[in-house]
Amino acid sequence: MKSNATTVAEYVGELPAERQAALKKVRSLIRKAGPKPTESIHYGMPVYDVNHLVCGLASQKNYMALYVCEPEIVDAHRDALGKLNCGKGCIRFRTVDELPLDAISQILEEAGAKGNGA
């Protein structure tokens, strides 16, 4: 979904209720996963920065996606992601219930730490 929102709250507010709940849950995981990220809108979607771009979130026509800017971290956790449709750094999901939240938290923590010399 291409959005003209200028804030993350606006972006999430434009979505159907089910997707709002899903992205709010993932947004919460991002915020808890390490150093407090700067949240902004770039590329028409919410992005999170901690001295480097960590990840982005998007609601597409048929799925939602978490875009992790460190593809090797996603690759290292492929087994834990199970049958989710994953691309290079992209984790696609239809509902938040499909997400293995512990694995997503670990991925986000590692991606956030990457730019901080970890």
PDB file of N, CA and C in Angstrom:
ATOM      1  N   MET A   1       0.841  -1.168   0.000  1.00  0.00           N
ATOM      2  CA  MET A   1       0.000   0.000   0.000  1.00  0.00           C
ATOM      3  C   MET A   1       0.892   1.239   0.000  1.00  0.00           C
ATOM      4  N   LYS A   2       0.766   2.067  -0.973  1.00  0.00           N
ATOM      5  CA  LYS A   2       1.501   3.331  -1.020  1.00  0.00           C
ATOM      6  C   LYS A   2       0.753   4.332  -0.160  1.00  0.00           C
ATOM      7  N   SER A   3       1.471   4.927   0.768  1.00  0.00           N
ATOM      8  CA  SER A   3       0.847   5.857   1.699  1.00  0.00           C
ATOM      9  C   SER A   3       1.478   7.235   1.562  1.00  0.00           C
ATOM     10  N   ASN A   4       0.689   8.250   1.806  1.00  0.00           N
ATOM     11  CA  ASN A   4       1.183   9.624   1.852  1.00  0.00           C
ATOM     12  C   ASN A   4       1.290  10.117   3.292  1.00  0.00           C
ATOM     13  N   ALA A   5       1.203   9.206   4.245  1.00  0.00           N
ATOM     14  CA  ALA A   5       1.286   9.560   5.665  1.00  0.00           C
ATOM     15  C   ALA A   5       2.636  10.208   5.956  1.00  0.00           C
ATOM     16  N   THR A   6       2.639  11.123   6.907  1.00  0.00           N
ATOM     17  CA  THR A   6       3.891  11.787   7.293  1.00  0.00           C
ATOM     18  C   THR A   6       4.380  11.324   8.658  1.00  0.00           C
ATOM     19  N   THR A   7       3.560  10.564   9.380  1.00  0.00           N
ATOM     20  CA  THR A   7       3.974   9.989  10.661  1.00  0.00           C
ATOM     21  C   THR A   7       3.586   8.516  10.687  1.00  0.00           C
ATOM     22  N   VAL A   8       4.240   7.781  11.578  1.00  0.00           N
ATOM     23  CA  VAL A   8       3.925   6.361  11.706  1.00  0.00           C
ATOM     24  C   VAL A   8       2.501   6.175  12.227  1.00  0.00           C
ATOM     25  N   ALA A   9       2.088   7.000  13.166  1.00  0.00           N
ATOM     26  CA  ALA A   9       0.722   6.904  13.682  1.00  0.00           C
ATOM     27  C   ALA A   9      -0.301   7.113  12.563  1.00  0.00           C
ATOM     28  N   GLU A  10      -0.043   8.069  11.680  1.00  0.00           N
ATOM     29  CA  GLU A  10      -0.922   8.301  10.527  1.00  0.00           C
ATOM     30  C   GLU A  10      -0.959   7.083   9.616  1.00  0.00           C
ATOM     31  N   TYR A  11       0.218   6.528   9.333  1.00  0.00           N
ATOM     32  CA  TYR A  11       0.328   5.352   8.472  1.00  0.00           C
ATOM     33  C   TYR A  11      -0.513   4.205   9.038  1.00  0.00           C
ATOM     34  N   VAL A  12      -0.296   3.898  10.312  1.00  0.00           N
ATOM     35  CA  VAL A  12      -1.025   2.797  10.942  1.00  0.00           C
ATOM     36  C   VAL A  12      -2.522   3.099  10.987  1.00  0.00           C
ATOM     37  N   GLY A  13      -2.881   4.355  11.245  1.00  0.00           N
ATOM     38  CA  GLY A  13      -4.278   4.752  11.323  1.00  0.00           C
ATOM     39  C   GLY A  13      -5.044   4.606  10.023  1.00  0.00           C
ATOM     40  N   GLU A  14      -4.352   4.579   8.892  1.00  0.00           N
ATOM     41  CA  GLU A  14      -5.001   4.419   7.588  1.00  0.00           C
ATOM     42  C   GLU A  14      -5.402   2.971   7.305  1.00  0.00           C
ATOM     43  N   LEU A  15      -4.894   2.040   8.095  1.00  0.00           N
ATOM     44  CA  LEU A  15      -5.079   0.615   7.822  1.00  0.00           C
ATOM     45  C   LEU A  15      -6.361   0.067   8.434  1.00  0.00           C
ATOM     46  N   PRO A  16      -6.856  -1.057   7.885  1.00  0.00           N
ATOM     47  CA  PRO A  16      -7.981  -1.753   8.519  1.00  0.00           C
ATOM     48  C   PRO A  16      -7.584  -2.193   9.938  1.00  0.00           C
ATOM     49  N   ALA A  17      -8.548  -2.347  10.817  1.00  0.00           N
ATOM     50  CA  ALA A  17      -8.306  -2.637  12.233  1.00  0.00           C
ATOM     51  C   ALA A  17      -7.388  -3.836  12.458  1.00  0.00           C
ATOM     52  N   GLU A  18      -7.576  -4.919  11.722  1.00  0.00           N
ATOM     53  CA  GLU A  18      -6.755  -6.122  11.913  1.00  0.00           C
ATOM     54  C   GLU A  18      -5.286  -5.828  11.620  1.00  0.00           C
ATOM     55  N   ARG A  19      -5.037  -5.084  10.562  1.00  0.00           N
ATOM     56  CA  ARG A  19      -3.656  -4.741  10.211  1.00  0.00           C
ATOM     57  C   ARG A  19      -3.068  -3.720  11.184  1.00  0.00           C
ATOM     58  N   GLN A  20      -3.905  -2.819  11.666  1.00  0.00           N
ATOM     59  CA  GLN A  20      -3.431  -1.872  12.684  1.00  0.00           C
ATOM     60  C   GLN A  20      -2.902  -2.638  13.890  1.00  0.00           C
ATOM     61  N   ALA A  21      -3.677  -3.602  14.358  1.00  0.00           N
ATOM     62  CA  ALA A  21      -3.275  -4.384  15.529  1.00  0.00           C
ATOM     63  C   ALA A  21      -1.973  -5.136  15.266  1.00  0.00           C
ATOM     64  N   ALA A  22      -1.848  -5.726  14.085  1.00  0.00           N
ATOM     65  CA  ALA A  22      -0.641  -6.485  13.743  1.00  0.00           C
ATOM     66  C   ALA A  22       0.585  -5.578  13.700  1.00  0.00           C
ATOM     67  N   LEU A  23       0.478  -4.450  13.011  1.00  0.00           N
ATOM     68  CA  LEU A  23       1.636  -3.568  12.902  1.00  0.00           C
ATOM     69  C   LEU A  23       1.965  -2.901  14.231  1.00  0.00           C
ATOM     70  N   LYS A  24       0.963  -2.642  15.056  1.00  0.00           N
ATOM     71  CA  LYS A  24       1.230  -2.096  16.392  1.00  0.00           C
ATOM     72  C   LYS A  24       2.022  -3.103  17.227  1.00  0.00           C
ATOM     73  N   LYS A  25       1.701  -4.380  17.093  1.00  0.00           N
ATOM     74  CA  LYS A  25       2.423  -5.427  17.831  1.00  0.00           C
ATOM     75  C   LYS A  25       3.878  -5.486  17.380  1.00  0.00           C
ATOM     76  N   VAL A  26       4.104  -5.481  16.074  1.00  0.00           N
ATOM     77  CA  VAL A  26       5.475  -5.528  15.561  1.00  0.00           C
ATOM     78  C   VAL A  26       6.212  -4.240  15.929  1.00  0.00           C
ATOM     79  N   ARG A  27       5.539  -3.121  15.845  1.00  0.00           N
ATOM     80  CA  ARG A  27       6.116  -1.824  16.229  1.00  0.00           C
ATOM     81  C   ARG A  27       6.571  -1.867  17.693  1.00  0.00           C
ATOM     82  N   SER A  28       5.776  -2.475  18.545  1.00  0.00           N
ATOM     83  CA  SER A  28       6.135  -2.625  19.951  1.00  0.00           C
ATOM     84  C   SER A  28       7.395  -3.477  20.116  1.00  0.00           C
ATOM     85  N   LEU A  29       7.492  -4.556  19.350  1.00  0.00           N
ATOM     86  CA  LEU A  29       8.692  -5.406  19.398  1.00  0.00           C
ATOM     87  C   LEU A  29       9.930  -4.629  18.969  1.00  0.00           C
ATOM     88  N   ILE A  30       9.787  -3.826  17.931  1.00  0.00           N
ATOM     89  CA  ILE A  30      10.917  -3.023  17.434  1.00  0.00           C
ATOM     90  C   ILE A  30      11.397  -2.080  18.532  1.00  0.00           C
ATOM     91  N   ARG A  31      10.470  -1.441  19.194  1.00  0.00           N
ATOM     92  CA  ARG A  31      10.817  -0.465  20.240  1.00  0.00           C
ATOM     93  C   ARG A  31      11.484  -1.116  21.446  1.00  0.00           C
ATOM     94  N   LYS A  32      11.174  -2.383  21.715  1.00  0.00           N
ATOM     95  CA  LYS A  32      11.727  -3.088  22.875  1.00  0.00           C
ATOM     96  C   LYS A  32      13.027  -3.825  22.565  1.00  0.00           C
ATOM     97  N   ALA A  33      13.402  -3.922  21.306  1.00  0.00           N
ATOM     98  CA  ALA A  33      14.474  -4.821  20.890  1.00  0.00           C
ATOM     99  C   ALA A  33      15.891  -4.307  21.104  1.00  0.00           C
ATOM    100  N   GLY A  34      16.070  -3.203  21.718  1.00  0.00           N
ATOM    101  CA  GLY A  34      17.425  -2.708  21.929  1.00  0.00           C
ATOM    102  C   GLY A  34      17.403  -1.218  22.115  1.00  0.00           C
ATOM    103  N   PRO A  35      18.446  -0.543  21.645  1.00  0.00           N
ATOM    104  CA  PRO A  35      18.474   0.909  21.787  1.00  0.00           C
ATOM    105  C   PRO A  35      17.233   1.528  21.149  1.00  0.00           C
ATOM    106  N   LYS A  36      16.728   2.582  21.777  1.00  0.00           N
ATOM    107  CA  LYS A  36      15.495   3.209  21.287  1.00  0.00           C
ATOM    108  C   LYS A  36      15.701   3.722  19.857  1.00  0.00           C
ATOM    109  N   PRO A  37      14.909   3.219  18.921  1.00  0.00           N
ATOM    110  CA  PRO A  37      15.069   3.641  17.528  1.00  0.00           C
ATOM    111  C   PRO A  37      14.374   4.972  17.242  1.00  0.00           C
ATOM    112  N   THR A  38      14.883   5.667  16.256  1.00  0.00           N
ATOM    113  CA  THR A  38      14.202   6.832  15.718  1.00  0.00           C
ATOM    114  C   THR A  38      13.192   6.301  14.708  1.00  0.00           C
ATOM    115  N   GLU A  39      11.966   6.756  14.830  1.00  0.00           N
ATOM    116  CA  GLU A  39      10.875   6.273  13.992  1.00  0.00           C
ATOM    117  C   GLU A  39      10.511   7.377  13.000  1.00  0.00           C
ATOM    118  N   SER A  40      10.418   7.034  11.728  1.00  0.00           N
ATOM    119  CA  SER A  40      10.044   8.029  10.725  1.00  0.00           C
ATOM    120  C   SER A  40       9.408   7.331   9.527  1.00  0.00           C
ATOM    121  N   ILE A  41       8.974   8.145   8.574  1.00  0.00           N
ATOM    122  CA  ILE A  41       8.417   7.610   7.331  1.00  0.00           C
ATOM    123  C   ILE A  41       9.420   7.872   6.208  1.00  0.00           C
ATOM    124  N   HIS A  42       9.821   6.813   5.542  1.00  0.00           N
ATOM    125  CA  HIS A  42      10.667   6.896   4.354  1.00  0.00           C
ATOM    126  C   HIS A  42      10.192   5.809   3.404  1.00  0.00           C
ATOM    127  N   TYR A  43      10.366   6.021   2.140  1.00  0.00           N
ATOM    128  CA  TYR A  43       9.966   5.035   1.140  1.00  0.00           C
ATOM    129  C   TYR A  43       8.470   4.717   1.254  1.00  0.00           C
ATOM    130  N   GLY A  44       7.675   5.637   1.817  1.00  0.00           N
ATOM    131  CA  GLY A  44       6.236   5.438   1.962  1.00  0.00           C
ATOM    132  C   GLY A  44       5.839   4.458   3.044  1.00  0.00           C
ATOM    133  N   MET A  45       6.762   4.173   3.989  1.00  0.00           N
ATOM    134  CA  MET A  45       6.460   3.236   5.065  1.00  0.00           C
ATOM    135  C   MET A  45       7.223   3.624   6.323  1.00  0.00           C
ATOM    136  N   PRO A  46       6.816   3.095   7.475  1.00  0.00           N
ATOM    137  CA  PRO A  46       7.554   3.352   8.709  1.00  0.00           C
ATOM    138  C   PRO A  46       8.933   2.693   8.658  1.00  0.00           C
ATOM    139  N   VAL A  47       9.952   3.433   9.088  1.00  0.00           N
ATOM    140  CA  VAL A  47      11.302   2.888   9.192  1.00  0.00           C
ATOM    141  C   VAL A  47      11.866   3.226  10.564  1.00  0.00           C
ATOM    142  N   TYR A  48      12.834   2.437  10.987  1.00  0.00           N
ATOM    143  CA  TYR A  48      13.422   2.558  12.316  1.00  0.00           C
ATOM    144  C   TYR A  48      14.937   2.616  12.191  1.00  0.00           C
ATOM    145  N   ASP A  49      15.522   3.592  12.872  1.00  0.00           N
ATOM    146  CA  ASP A  49      16.943   3.891  12.757  1.00  0.00           C
ATOM    147  C   ASP A  49      17.582   3.934  14.139  1.00  0.00           C
ATOM    148  N   VAL A  50      18.735   3.282  14.283  1.00  0.00           N
ATOM    149  CA  VAL A  50      19.553   3.350  15.495  1.00  0.00           C
ATOM    150  C   VAL A  50      20.989   3.525  15.002  1.00  0.00           C
ATOM    151  N   ASN A  51      21.374   4.731  14.676  1.00  0.00           N
ATOM    152  CA  ASN A  51      22.677   5.031  14.076  1.00  0.00           C
ATOM    153  C   ASN A  51      22.845   4.382  12.701  1.00  0.00           C
ATOM    154  N   HIS A  52      21.869   3.681  12.254  1.00  0.00           N
ATOM    155  CA  HIS A  52      21.798   3.079  10.918  1.00  0.00           C
ATOM    156  C   HIS A  52      20.363   2.599  10.732  1.00  0.00           C
ATOM    157  N   LEU A  53      19.957   2.404   9.506  1.00  0.00           N
ATOM    158  CA  LEU A  53      18.607   1.915   9.236  1.00  0.00           C
ATOM    159  C   LEU A  53      18.518   0.455   9.686  1.00  0.00           C
ATOM    160  N   VAL A  54      17.604   0.178  10.607  1.00  0.00           N
ATOM    161  CA  VAL A  54      17.460  -1.163  11.167  1.00  0.00           C
ATOM    162  C   VAL A  54      16.397  -1.961  10.418  1.00  0.00           C
ATOM    163  N   CYS A  55      15.205  -1.355  10.260  1.00  0.00           N
ATOM    164  CA  CYS A  55      14.122  -2.091   9.628  1.00  0.00           C
ATOM    165  C   CYS A  55      13.010  -1.147   9.180  1.00  0.00           C
ATOM    166  N   GLY A  56      12.091  -1.708   8.422  1.00  0.00           N
ATOM    167  CA  GLY A  56      10.905  -0.995   7.984  1.00  0.00           C
ATOM    168  C   GLY A  56       9.706  -1.923   8.087  1.00  0.00           C
ATOM    169  N   LEU A  57       8.532  -1.326   8.102  1.00  0.00           N
ATOM    170  CA  LEU A  57       7.273  -2.076   8.155  1.00  0.00           C
ATOM    171  C   LEU A  57       6.395  -1.618   7.005  1.00  0.00           C
ATOM    172  N   ALA A  58       5.626  -2.521   6.437  1.00  0.00           N
ATOM    173  CA  ALA A  58       4.710  -2.111   5.378  1.00  0.00           C
ATOM    174  C   ALA A  58       3.490  -3.007   5.339  1.00  0.00           C
ATOM    175  N   SER A  59       2.404  -2.415   4.923  1.00  0.00           N
ATOM    176  CA  SER A  59       1.180  -3.151   4.652  1.00  0.00           C
ATOM    177  C   SER A  59       1.015  -3.163   3.141  1.00  0.00           C
ATOM    178  N   GLN A  60       1.132  -4.330   2.545  1.00  0.00           N
ATOM    179  CA  GLN A  60       0.975  -4.490   1.107  1.00  0.00           C
ATOM    180  C   GLN A  60      -0.437  -4.999   0.832  1.00  0.00           C
ATOM    181  N   LYS A  61      -0.766  -5.172  -0.429  1.00  0.00           N
ATOM    182  CA  LYS A  61      -2.118  -5.597  -0.793  1.00  0.00           C
ATOM    183  C   LYS A  61      -2.501  -6.938  -0.151  1.00  0.00           C
ATOM    184  N   ASN A  62      -1.610  -7.934  -0.245  1.00  0.00           N
ATOM    185  CA  ASN A  62      -1.947  -9.279   0.211  1.00  0.00           C
ATOM    186  C   ASN A  62      -1.217  -9.729   1.468  1.00  0.00           C
ATOM    187  N   TYR A  63      -0.374  -8.893   2.026  1.00  0.00           N
ATOM    188  CA  TYR A  63       0.394  -9.283   3.199  1.00  0.00           C
ATOM    189  C   TYR A  63       0.968  -8.039   3.879  1.00  0.00           C
ATOM    190  N   MET A  64       1.553  -8.252   5.036  1.00  0.00           N
ATOM    191  CA  MET A  64       2.334  -7.226   5.715  1.00  0.00           C
ATOM    192  C   MET A  64       3.774  -7.704   5.682  1.00  0.00           C
ATOM    193  N   ALA A  65       4.705  -6.784   5.840  1.00  0.00           N
ATOM    194  CA  ALA A  65       6.106  -7.173   5.752  1.00  0.00           C
ATOM    195  C   ALA A  65       6.958  -6.412   6.753  1.00  0.00           C
ATOM    196  N   LEU A  66       7.929  -7.129   7.291  1.00  0.00           N
ATOM    197  CA  LEU A  66       8.984  -6.543   8.095  1.00  0.00           C
ATOM    198  C   LEU A  66      10.237  -6.630   7.246  1.00  0.00           C
ATOM    199  N   TYR A  67      10.821  -5.478   6.942  1.00  0.00           N
ATOM    200  CA  TYR A  67      12.030  -5.413   6.130  1.00  0.00           C
ATOM    201  C   TYR A  67      13.214  -5.181   7.051  1.00  0.00           C
ATOM    202  N   VAL A  68      14.051  -6.179   7.212  1.00  0.00           N
ATOM    203  CA  VAL A  68      15.222  -6.091   8.078  1.00  0.00           C
ATOM    204  C   VAL A  68      16.412  -5.721   7.198  1.00  0.00           C
ATOM    205  N   CYS A  69      17.111  -4.668   7.575  1.00  0.00           N
ATOM    206  CA  CYS A  69      18.188  -4.137   6.740  1.00  0.00           C
ATOM    207  C   CYS A  69      19.503  -4.903   6.869  1.00  0.00           C
ATOM    208  N   GLU A  70      19.478  -6.001   7.556  1.00  0.00           N
ATOM    209  CA  GLU A  70      20.637  -6.888   7.684  1.00  0.00           C
ATOM    210  C   GLU A  70      20.196  -8.287   7.240  1.00  0.00           C
ATOM    211  N   PRO A  71      20.184  -8.552   5.923  1.00  0.00           N
ATOM    212  CA  PRO A  71      19.642  -9.823   5.425  1.00  0.00           C
ATOM    213  C   PRO A  71      20.319 -11.064   5.998  1.00  0.00           C
ATOM    214  N   GLU A  72      21.597 -10.959   6.338  1.00  0.00           N
ATOM    215  CA  GLU A  72      22.288 -12.138   6.883  1.00  0.00           C
ATOM    216  C   GLU A  72      21.714 -12.547   8.240  1.00  0.00           C
ATOM    217  N   ILE A  73      21.142 -11.592   8.969  1.00  0.00           N
ATOM    218  CA  ILE A  73      20.517 -11.914  10.254  1.00  0.00           C
ATOM    219  C   ILE A  73      19.224 -12.688  10.018  1.00  0.00           C
ATOM    220  N   VAL A  74      18.451 -12.277   9.033  1.00  0.00           N
ATOM    221  CA  VAL A  74      17.229 -13.025   8.685  1.00  0.00           C
ATOM    222  C   VAL A  74      17.613 -14.433   8.253  1.00  0.00           C
ATOM    223  N   ASP A  75      18.639 -14.560   7.418  1.00  0.00           N
ATOM    224  CA  ASP A  75      19.098 -15.879   6.963  1.00  0.00           C
ATOM    225  C   ASP A  75      19.479 -16.783   8.136  1.00  0.00           C
ATOM    226  N   ALA A  76      20.131 -16.210   9.137  1.00  0.00           N
ATOM    227  CA  ALA A  76      20.571 -16.998  10.284  1.00  0.00           C
ATOM    228  C   ALA A  76      19.391 -17.533  11.104  1.00  0.00           C
ATOM    229  N   HIS A  77      18.226 -16.945  10.943  1.00  0.00           N
ATOM    230  CA  HIS A  77      17.047 -17.352  11.724  1.00  0.00           C
ATOM    231  C   HIS A  77      15.962 -18.003  10.858  1.00  0.00           C
ATOM    232  N   ARG A  78      16.299 -18.410   9.658  1.00  0.00           N
ATOM    233  CA  ARG A  78      15.293 -18.988   8.744  1.00  0.00           C
ATOM    234  C   ARG A  78      14.555 -20.176   9.347  1.00  0.00           C
ATOM    235  N   ASP A  79      15.274 -21.045  10.045  1.00  0.00           N
ATOM    236  CA  ASP A  79      14.609 -22.216  10.632  1.00  0.00           C
ATOM    237  C   ASP A  79      13.547 -21.787  11.638  1.00  0.00           C
ATOM    238  N   ALA A  80      13.859 -20.783  12.451  1.00  0.00           N
ATOM    239  CA  ALA A  80      12.918 -20.303  13.464  1.00  0.00           C
ATOM    240  C   ALA A  80      11.715 -19.601  12.833  1.00  0.00           C
ATOM    241  N   LEU A  81      11.875 -19.099  11.614  1.00  0.00           N
ATOM    242  CA  LEU A  81      10.777 -18.408  10.923  1.00  0.00           C
ATOM    243  C   LEU A  81       9.806 -19.382  10.273  1.00  0.00           C
ATOM    244  N   GLY A  82      10.163 -20.652  10.276  1.00  0.00           N
ATOM    245  CA  GLY A  82       9.268 -21.693   9.781  1.00  0.00           C
ATOM    246  C   GLY A  82       8.869 -21.504   8.334  1.00  0.00           C
ATOM    247  N   LYS A  83       7.580 -21.575   8.073  1.00  0.00           N
ATOM    248  CA  LYS A  83       7.061 -21.535   6.711  1.00  0.00           C
ATOM    249  C   LYS A  83       6.724 -20.131   6.236  1.00  0.00           C
ATOM    250  N   LEU A  84       7.134 -19.108   6.980  1.00  0.00           N
ATOM    251  CA  LEU A  84       6.868 -17.743   6.531  1.00  0.00           C
ATOM    252  C   LEU A  84       7.554 -17.487   5.204  1.00  0.00           C
ATOM    253  N   ASN A  85       6.939 -16.695   4.377  1.00  0.00           N
ATOM    254  CA  ASN A  85       7.506 -16.311   3.095  1.00  0.00           C
ATOM    255  C   ASN A  85       8.551 -15.226   3.367  1.00  0.00           C
ATOM    256  N   CYS A  86       9.806 -15.547   3.109  1.00  0.00           N
ATOM    257  CA  CYS A  86      10.899 -14.615   3.366  1.00  0.00           C
ATOM    258  C   CYS A  86      11.685 -14.356   2.095  1.00  0.00           C
ATOM    259  N   GLY A  87      12.069 -13.129   1.919  1.00  0.00           N
ATOM    260  CA  GLY A  87      12.967 -12.750   0.834  1.00  0.00           C
ATOM    261  C   GLY A  87      14.279 -12.309   1.453  1.00  0.00           C
ATOM    262  N   LYS A  88      15.067 -11.596   0.695  1.00  0.00           N
ATOM    263  CA  LYS A  88      16.345 -11.109   1.190  1.00  0.00           C
ATOM    264  C   LYS A  88      16.073  -9.972   2.188  1.00  0.00           C
ATOM    265  N   GLY A  89      16.043 -10.317   3.476  1.00  0.00           N
ATOM    266  CA  GLY A  89      15.779  -9.329   4.508  1.00  0.00           C
ATOM    267  C   GLY A  89      14.316  -9.025   4.729  1.00  0.00           C
ATOM    268  N   CYS A  90      13.433  -9.672   3.991  1.00  0.00           N
ATOM    269  CA  CYS A  90      11.993  -9.393   4.074  1.00  0.00           C
ATOM    270  C   CYS A  90      11.271 -10.587   4.696  1.00  0.00           C
ATOM    271  N   ILE A  91      10.435 -10.309   5.686  1.00  0.00           N
ATOM    272  CA  ILE A  91       9.623 -11.344   6.326  1.00  0.00           C
ATOM    273  C   ILE A  91       8.162 -10.969   6.084  1.00  0.00           C
ATOM    274  N   ARG A  92       7.463 -11.772   5.276  1.00  0.00           N
ATOM    275  CA  ARG A  92       6.072 -11.479   4.917  1.00  0.00           C
ATOM    276  C   ARG A  92       5.128 -12.294   5.795  1.00  0.00           C
ATOM    277  N   PHE A  93       4.034 -11.656   6.215  1.00  0.00           N
ATOM    278  CA  PHE A  93       3.061 -12.337   7.051  1.00  0.00           C
ATOM    279  C   PHE A  93       1.668 -11.766   6.793  1.00  0.00           C
ATOM    280  N   ARG A  94       0.652 -12.594   6.981  1.00  0.00           N
ATOM    281  CA  ARG A  94      -0.744 -12.157   6.784  1.00  0.00           C
ATOM    282  C   ARG A  94      -1.390 -11.758   8.107  1.00  0.00           C
ATOM    283  N   THR A  95      -0.984 -12.413   9.185  1.00  0.00           N
ATOM    284  CA  THR A  95      -1.495 -12.065  10.512  1.00  0.00           C
ATOM    285  C   THR A  95      -0.328 -12.089  11.491  1.00  0.00           C
ATOM    286  N   VAL A  96      -0.470 -11.363  12.569  1.00  0.00           N
ATOM    287  CA  VAL A  96       0.593 -11.338  13.572  1.00  0.00           C
ATOM    288  C   VAL A  96       0.726 -12.709  14.238  1.00  0.00           C
ATOM    289  N   ASP A  97      -0.341 -13.496  14.238  1.00  0.00           N
ATOM    290  CA  ASP A  97      -0.300 -14.836  14.835  1.00  0.00           C
ATOM    291  C   ASP A  97       0.663 -15.771  14.099  1.00  0.00           C
ATOM    292  N   GLU A  98       0.964 -15.473  12.838  1.00  0.00           N
ATOM    293  CA  GLU A  98       1.909 -16.287  12.068  1.00  0.00           C
ATOM    294  C   GLU A  98       3.352 -16.058  12.501  1.00  0.00           C
ATOM    295  N   LEU A  99       3.617 -14.929  13.131  1.00  0.00           N
ATOM    296  CA  LEU A  99       4.983 -14.561  13.477  1.00  0.00           C
ATOM    297  C   LEU A  99       5.477 -15.283  14.729  1.00  0.00           C
ATOM    298  N   PRO A 100       6.645 -15.909  14.648  1.00  0.00           N
ATOM    299  CA  PRO A 100       7.260 -16.443  15.865  1.00  0.00           C
ATOM    300  C   PRO A 100       7.894 -15.249  16.601  1.00  0.00           C
ATOM    301  N   LEU A 101       7.172 -14.696  17.560  1.00  0.00           N
ATOM    302  CA  LEU A 101       7.558 -13.419  18.169  1.00  0.00           C
ATOM    303  C   LEU A 101       8.924 -13.453  18.842  1.00  0.00           C
ATOM    304  N   ASP A 102       9.301 -14.589  19.431  1.00  0.00           N
ATOM    305  CA  ASP A 102      10.634 -14.686  20.039  1.00  0.00           C
ATOM    306  C   ASP A 102      11.725 -14.555  18.979  1.00  0.00           C
ATOM    307  N   ALA A 103      11.539 -15.217  17.845  1.00  0.00           N
ATOM    308  CA  ALA A 103      12.524 -15.133  16.761  1.00  0.00           C
ATOM    309  C   ALA A 103      12.572 -13.725  16.177  1.00  0.00           C
ATOM    310  N   ILE A 104      11.414 -13.097  16.005  1.00  0.00           N
ATOM    311  CA  ILE A 104      11.369 -11.726  15.479  1.00  0.00           C
ATOM    312  C   ILE A 104      12.088 -10.782  16.437  1.00  0.00           C
ATOM    313  N   SER A 105      11.850 -10.933  17.726  1.00  0.00           N
ATOM    314  CA  SER A 105      12.533 -10.099  18.726  1.00  0.00           C
ATOM    315  C   SER A 105      14.041 -10.274  18.651  1.00  0.00           C
ATOM    316  N   GLN A 106      14.485 -11.513  18.513  1.00  0.00           N
ATOM    317  CA  GLN A 106      15.930 -11.789  18.416  1.00  0.00           C
ATOM    318  C   GLN A 106      16.525 -11.160  17.156  1.00  0.00           C
ATOM    319  N   ILE A 107      15.836 -11.293  16.042  1.00  0.00           N
ATOM    320  CA  ILE A 107      16.290 -10.694  14.782  1.00  0.00           C
ATOM    321  C   ILE A 107      16.414  -9.176  14.938  1.00  0.00           C
ATOM    322  N   LEU A 108      15.402  -8.551  15.515  1.00  0.00           N
ATOM    323  CA  LEU A 108      15.411  -7.096  15.678  1.00  0.00           C
ATOM    324  C   LEU A 108      16.519  -6.651  16.633  1.00  0.00           C
ATOM    325  N   GLU A 109      16.728  -7.415  17.690  1.00  0.00           N
ATOM    326  CA  GLU A 109      17.789  -7.084  18.640  1.00  0.00           C
ATOM    327  C   GLU A 109      19.156  -7.139  17.952  1.00  0.00           C
ATOM    328  N   GLU A 110      19.389  -8.191  17.183  1.00  0.00           N
ATOM    329  CA  GLU A 110      20.671  -8.340  16.476  1.00  0.00           C
ATOM    330  C   GLU A 110      20.845  -7.250  15.429  1.00  0.00           C
ATOM    331  N   ALA A 111      19.796  -6.927  14.703  1.00  0.00           N
ATOM    332  CA  ALA A 111      19.886  -5.889  13.674  1.00  0.00           C
ATOM    333  C   ALA A 111      20.140  -4.515  14.292  1.00  0.00           C
ATOM    334  N   GLY A 112      19.514  -4.226  15.424  1.00  0.00           N
ATOM    335  CA  GLY A 112      19.733  -2.974  16.110  1.00  0.00           C
ATOM    336  C   GLY A 112      21.130  -2.833  16.651  1.00  0.00           C
ATOM    337  N   ALA A 113      21.685  -3.947  17.127  1.00  0.00           N
ATOM    338  CA  ALA A 113      23.031  -3.925  17.693  1.00  0.00           C
ATOM    339  C   ALA A 113      24.118  -3.835  16.625  1.00  0.00           C
ATOM    340  N   LYS A 114      23.816  -4.262  15.432  1.00  0.00           N
ATOM    341  CA  LYS A 114      24.803  -4.315  14.339  1.00  0.00           C
ATOM    342  C   LYS A 114      25.455  -2.958  14.092  1.00  0.00           C
ATOM    343  N   GLY A 115      24.695  -1.901  14.086  1.00  0.00           N
ATOM    344  CA  GLY A 115      25.235  -0.565  13.811  1.00  0.00           C
ATOM    345  C   GLY A 115      25.890   0.082  15.011  1.00  0.00           C
ATOM    346  N   ASN A 116      25.806  -0.565  16.161  1.00  0.00           N
ATOM    347  CA  ASN A 116      26.402  -0.017  17.362  1.00  0.00           C
ATOM    348  C   ASN A 116      27.711  -0.732  17.712  1.00  0.00           C
ATOM    349  N   GLY A 117      28.317  -1.334  16.708  1.00  0.00           N
ATOM    350  CA  GLY A 117      29.618  -1.983  16.917  1.00  0.00           C
ATOM    351  C   GLY A 117      29.535  -3.377  17.492  1.00  0.00           C
ATOM    352  N   ALA A 118      28.352  -3.937  17.611  1.00  0.00           N
ATOM    353  CA  ALA A 118      28.215  -5.270  18.184  1.00  0.00           C
ATOM    354  C   ALA A 118      28.525  -6.330  17.149  1.00  0.00           C
TER     355      ALA A 118
END
